[in-house]
Amino acid sequence: MAGDKEKSGFQSSAGLIRYFDSEDEKSIKIHPYFVLGMAIATIIVVTALEYVWPT
């Protein structure tokens, strides 16, 4: 039984590799700097609100 599990590992992961390698032209493209900027902006807003409404 252990031999069967070892042989099926590559075949089961091949579909995932194919899925992540394909790019959809209609998908939304978000630049990494935008995500980083939004994270920093969220931290600043939450910190500022903590001073306005302390818990």
Protein backbone atom coordinates (compact mmCIF):
# COMPACT_ATOMS: atom_id res chain seq x y z
CA MET A 1 0.00 0.00 0.00
CA ALA A 2 2.81 2.44 0.72
CA GLY A 3 4.03 2.06 -2.85
CA ASP A 4 0.67 3.16 -4.23
CA LYS A 5 0.67 6.36 -2.22
CA GLU A 6 4.16 7.32 -3.40
CA LYS A 7 3.23 6.88 -7.06
CA SER A 8 0.07 8.99 -6.89
CA GLY A 9 1.72 12.05 -5.31
CA PHE A 10 3.07 13.57 -8.50
CA GLN A 11 -0.10 12.96 -10.48
CA SER A 12 -2.28 14.62 -7.86
CA SER A 13 -0.02 17.66 -7.64
CA ALA A 14 0.30 18.01 -11.41
CA GLY A 15 -3.20 19.47 -11.64
CA LEU A 16 -2.38 22.09 -9.02
CA ILE A 17 0.80 23.05 -10.83
CA ARG A 18 -1.13 23.42 -14.07
CA TYR A 19 -3.80 25.48 -12.27
CA PHE A 20 -1.33 27.91 -10.72
CA ASP A 21 0.76 28.21 -13.89
CA SER A 22 -2.17 29.37 -16.01
CA GLU A 23 -2.98 33.06 -15.86
CA ASP A 24 -6.43 34.42 -16.50
CA GLU A 25 -6.44 37.50 -18.72
CA LYS A 26 -9.75 38.69 -17.22
CA SER A 27 -8.58 38.56 -13.61
CA ILE A 28 -7.88 41.69 -11.60
CA LYS A 29 -4.20 42.56 -11.46
CA ILE A 30 -3.10 44.21 -8.20
CA HIS A 31 0.40 45.60 -7.93
CA PRO A 32 2.29 44.37 -4.84
CA TYR A 33 3.12 47.95 -3.80
CA PHE A 34 -0.61 48.74 -3.69
CA VAL A 35 -1.21 45.87 -1.28
CA LEU A 36 1.73 46.99 0.87
CA GLY A 37 0.48 50.58 0.85
CA MET A 38 -3.03 49.53 1.86
CA ALA A 39 -1.62 47.48 4.75
CA ILE A 40 0.44 50.43 6.00
CA ALA A 41 -2.52 52.80 5.59
CA THR A 42 -4.74 50.41 7.58
CA ILE A 43 -2.18 50.28 10.38
CA ILE A 44 -2.00 54.08 10.47
CA VAL A 45 -5.80 54.46 10.53
CA VAL A 46 -6.24 51.89 13.29
CA THR A 47 -3.48 53.48 15.36
CA ALA A 48 -4.99 56.96 14.89
CA LEU A 49 -8.45 55.71 15.86
CA GLU A 50 -6.97 54.16 18.99
CA TYR A 51 -5.94 57.65 20.11
CA VAL A 52 -9.36 59.14 19.27
CA TRP A 53 -11.42 56.40 20.95
CA PRO A 54 -9.26 54.70 23.59
CA THR A 55 -10.55 51.40 24.90
